[in-house]
Amino acid sequence: MPISKNGWEILIERVRQERRKGQTFARTISNYQVYHDGMEVDGLAGSFVERQGPGDNSKSGKGNHGRIAAGRYRLATHSGAKDPRKKKVKYQTIGYAKTADIGQLPRPAIRFLDTESRKGILIHPGNGYIWSIGCFNPGRSLKTPTDNLKFLESRLMVIALIDDMRTYQGNKFPNSNNKEIPNTHAVVDGEPG
């Protein structure tokens, strides 16, 4: 599925599904690249980890722990429900914690819209093999199933995406959470098995 070459777009190309020895489920590895009106943005590329396929948006997360379907999705700022253990919001676009401590909440995130029955599909930091049910966790150098996401690196990658959206959008970028970011899309391509 190609990008439209209009606005801020992140192309997520799924390249493989893999399983680490001892893990009960597989993960999907994708490569991503950000574009401004069809032009690649230097430094805004990497890999994503998400759960196994096939992609499916027809069932909610409670009954569906796989990845979302390939497609084109609008993006939004996000502020989710409170983590019942810590009494704080886990993920947030505007107002995320400024410290890089893995336990500090809220962590930075961007939300996908148009996900049908799936709710709370985010780009957010990850750690280890995978750190999500249906979301996208960025990382670098994920060449084999034994490679891990590194939280500090992953967190900085999410922040770089948020900062670039804010710069690209200027005064059109929302000033509060849970608002659509105008002319901003994720294009998810591929269904490796």
Protein backbone atom coordinates (compact mmCIF):
# COMPACT_ATOMS: atom_id res chain seq x y z
CA MET A 1 0.00 0.00 0.00
CA PRO A 2 1.71 3.22 -1.11
CA ILE A 3 1.74 6.54 0.71
CA SER A 4 -0.40 9.35 -0.74
CA LYS A 5 2.52 11.84 -0.80
CA ASN A 6 0.26 14.35 0.90
CA GLY A 7 0.86 15.62 4.44
CA TRP A 8 2.74 13.89 7.26
CA GLU A 9 2.89 10.12 6.69
CA ILE A 10 4.66 7.23 8.35
CA LEU A 11 5.03 4.15 6.14
CA ILE A 12 5.21 0.94 8.18
CA GLU A 13 6.31 -2.00 6.02
CA ARG A 14 5.98 -5.34 7.76
CA VAL A 15 8.91 -7.56 6.80
CA ARG A 16 8.69 -10.73 8.92
CA GLN A 17 7.10 -12.60 11.77
CA GLU A 18 9.44 -14.35 14.23
CA ARG A 19 9.38 -16.21 17.52
CA ARG A 20 12.09 -16.31 20.16
CA LYS A 21 12.80 -19.70 21.70
CA GLY A 22 10.80 -20.01 24.90
CA GLN A 23 8.18 -17.39 23.91
CA THR A 24 4.56 -18.51 23.59
CA PHE A 25 3.74 -16.04 20.80
CA ALA A 26 5.41 -14.57 17.75
CA ARG A 27 6.15 -10.92 17.06
CA THR A 28 6.07 -8.96 13.80
CA ILE A 29 8.99 -6.78 12.70
CA SER A 30 8.41 -3.77 10.42
CA ASN A 31 10.56 -1.03 8.98
CA TYR A 32 9.26 2.53 9.11
CA GLN A 33 10.03 5.82 7.38
CA VAL A 34 8.44 9.25 7.88
CA TYR A 35 7.52 11.40 4.87
CA HIS A 36 6.57 15.06 4.49
CA ASP A 37 4.50 15.46 1.32
CA GLY A 38 6.17 12.38 -0.17
CA MET A 39 9.75 13.35 0.74
CA GLU A 40 11.70 11.10 3.15
CA VAL A 41 12.62 12.77 6.44
CA ASP A 42 16.24 12.03 7.42
CA GLY A 43 16.64 10.43 10.83
CA LEU A 44 12.99 9.42 11.21
CA ALA A 45 13.27 5.76 10.30
CA GLY A 46 13.67 2.54 12.23
CA SER A 47 11.87 -0.65 13.13
CA PHE A 48 8.64 -1.49 14.91
CA VAL A 49 7.73 -4.55 16.93
CA GLU A 50 4.09 -5.61 17.24
CA ARG A 51 2.27 -8.85 18.01
CA GLN A 52 1.79 -11.74 15.63
CA GLY A 53 -0.62 -11.87 12.71
CA PRO A 54 -2.82 -12.14 10.92
CA GLY A 55 -3.95 -8.52 11.13
CA ASP A 56 -7.53 -8.19 12.34
CA ASN A 57 -9.62 -5.17 13.34
CA SER A 58 -12.93 -7.02 13.72
CA LYS A 59 -12.56 -8.04 17.39
CA SER A 60 -11.63 -5.95 20.42
CA GLY A 61 -8.30 -6.32 22.20
CA LYS A 62 -9.83 -8.57 24.87
CA GLY A 63 -10.51 -11.20 22.22
CA ASN A 64 -7.75 -10.21 19.84
CA HIS A 65 -4.12 -10.06 20.90
CA GLY A 66 -2.75 -9.88 17.35
CA ARG A 67 -1.70 -7.02 15.15
CA ILE A 68 -4.06 -4.61 13.40
CA ALA A 69 -4.94 -5.09 9.73
CA ALA A 70 -2.82 -3.51 7.02
CA GLY A 71 -4.33 -0.19 5.93
CA ARG A 72 -4.28 3.60 6.14
CA TYR A 73 -4.99 5.16 9.55
CA ARG A 74 -5.48 8.73 10.74
CA LEU A 75 -3.40 9.65 13.81
CA ALA A 76 -4.32 11.49 17.00
CA THR A 77 -2.93 12.79 20.25
CA HIS A 78 -3.68 10.45 23.15
CA SER A 79 -4.38 10.36 26.84
CA GLY A 80 -5.62 6.98 27.97
CA ALA A 81 -7.18 5.45 31.04
CA LYS A 82 -5.37 5.45 34.36
CA ASP A 83 -3.19 2.49 35.30
CA PRO A 84 -5.09 1.11 38.31
CA ARG A 85 -1.87 0.15 40.12
CA LYS A 86 -0.21 3.55 39.85
CA LYS A 87 -3.34 5.75 39.61
CA LYS A 88 -1.77 7.55 36.65
CA VAL A 89 -2.33 7.65 32.91
CA LYS A 90 0.04 5.17 31.21
CA TYR A 91 0.43 6.84 27.80
CA GLN A 92 0.00 10.44 26.69
CA THR A 93 1.04 12.63 23.73
CA ILE A 94 0.89 16.02 25.41
CA GLY A 95 2.18 16.02 28.97
CA TYR A 96 4.20 12.79 29.00
CA ALA A 97 6.81 12.43 31.78
CA LYS A 98 10.00 14.32 31.05
CA THR A 99 12.23 11.82 32.86
CA ALA A 100 13.47 8.72 31.07
CA ASP A 101 12.89 6.39 34.03
CA ILE A 102 11.12 3.27 32.73
CA GLY A 103 8.66 3.37 35.63
CA GLN A 104 7.72 7.04 35.22
CA LEU A 105 4.24 7.68 33.82
CA PRO A 106 2.82 8.80 31.50
CA ARG A 107 5.00 7.53 28.67
CA PRO A 108 4.91 9.24 25.24
CA ALA A 109 2.44 7.88 22.66
CA ILE A 110 0.52 8.54 19.44
CA ARG A 111 -2.89 6.94 18.76
CA PHE A 112 -4.24 5.31 15.60
CA LEU A 113 -7.81 6.14 14.55
CA ASP A 114 -10.09 4.13 12.20
CA THR A 115 -9.19 0.79 13.84
CA GLU A 116 -12.79 -0.51 13.86
CA SER A 117 -13.33 -2.73 16.95
CA ARG A 118 -9.74 -2.28 18.09
CA LYS A 119 -9.25 0.45 20.70
CA GLY A 120 -6.12 2.10 22.03
CA ILE A 121 -3.75 1.13 19.21
CA LEU A 122 -0.68 3.28 19.88
CA ILE A 123 2.90 3.93 18.95
CA HIS A 124 4.59 3.84 22.36
CA PRO A 125 7.99 2.87 23.83
CA GLY A 126 8.81 -0.78 24.31
CA ASN A 127 11.34 -2.88 26.20
CA GLY A 128 12.61 -6.42 25.76
CA TYR A 129 11.09 -8.92 23.31
CA ILE A 130 7.77 -7.05 23.01
CA TRP A 131 5.79 -4.73 25.27
CA SER A 132 2.32 -4.64 23.80
CA ILE A 133 -0.89 -6.46 22.89
CA GLY A 134 -1.65 -4.66 19.61
CA CYS A 135 0.50 -1.51 19.57
CA PHE A 136 3.72 -0.54 17.78
CA ASN A 137 6.99 -0.35 19.77
CA PRO A 138 9.92 1.34 17.94
CA GLY A 139 13.49 0.11 18.06
CA ARG A 140 16.71 -0.19 16.10
CA SER A 141 18.80 -3.15 14.95
CA LEU A 142 16.11 -5.81 15.37
CA LYS A 143 17.73 -8.40 13.10
CA THR A 144 16.99 -11.64 14.93
CA PRO A 145 14.44 -12.96 17.46
CA THR A 146 17.04 -12.58 20.22
CA ASP A 147 17.34 -8.79 19.69
CA ASN A 148 15.56 -6.70 22.33
CA LEU A 149 13.90 -3.32 22.34
CA LYS A 150 15.78 -0.84 24.55
CA PHE A 151 13.42 1.40 26.51
CA LEU A 152 15.48 4.62 26.42
CA GLU A 153 16.11 4.31 22.68
CA SER A 154 12.46 3.40 22.01
CA ARG A 155 11.21 6.34 24.11
CA LEU A 156 13.41 8.81 22.21
CA MET A 157 12.12 7.44 18.90
CA VAL A 158 8.49 8.05 19.94
CA ILE A 159 9.34 11.57 21.13
CA ALA A 160 11.09 12.28 17.80
CA LEU A 161 7.89 11.32 15.94
CA ILE A 162 5.74 13.55 18.17
CA ASP A 163 8.17 16.47 17.86
CA ASP A 164 8.31 16.13 14.07
CA MET A 165 4.51 16.06 13.79
CA ARG A 166 4.31 19.18 15.98
CA THR A 167 6.92 20.99 13.86
CA TYR A 168 5.32 19.92 10.55
CA GLN A 169 1.80 20.90 11.67
CA GLY A 170 2.77 24.18 13.36
CA ASN A 171 -0.31 25.85 14.88
CA LYS A 172 -2.55 23.07 13.45
CA PHE A 173 -1.10 20.56 15.91
CA PRO A 174 -3.71 19.98 18.67
CA ASN A 175 -3.12 21.71 22.00
CA SER A 176 -4.87 18.93 23.93
CA ASN A 177 -5.02 15.14 23.95
CA ASN A 178 -7.49 12.82 22.22
CA LYS A 179 -7.72 15.06 19.15
CA GLU A 180 -7.08 14.11 15.53
CA ILE A 181 -3.81 15.48 14.13
CA PRO A 182 -4.80 17.04 10.78
CA ASN A 183 -3.40 15.59 7.54
CA THR A 184 -1.37 12.96 9.44
CA HIS A 185 -1.51 9.23 8.62
CA ALA A 186 0.12 5.87 9.21
CA VAL A 187 0.20 3.47 6.27
CA VAL A 188 0.66 -0.14 7.42
CA ASP A 189 1.67 -2.46 4.59
CA GLY A 190 2.05 -6.24 4.54
CA GLU A 191 0.72 -9.31 6.33
CA PRO A 192 3.71 -11.65 6.83
CA GLY A 193 2.88 -15.02 8.34
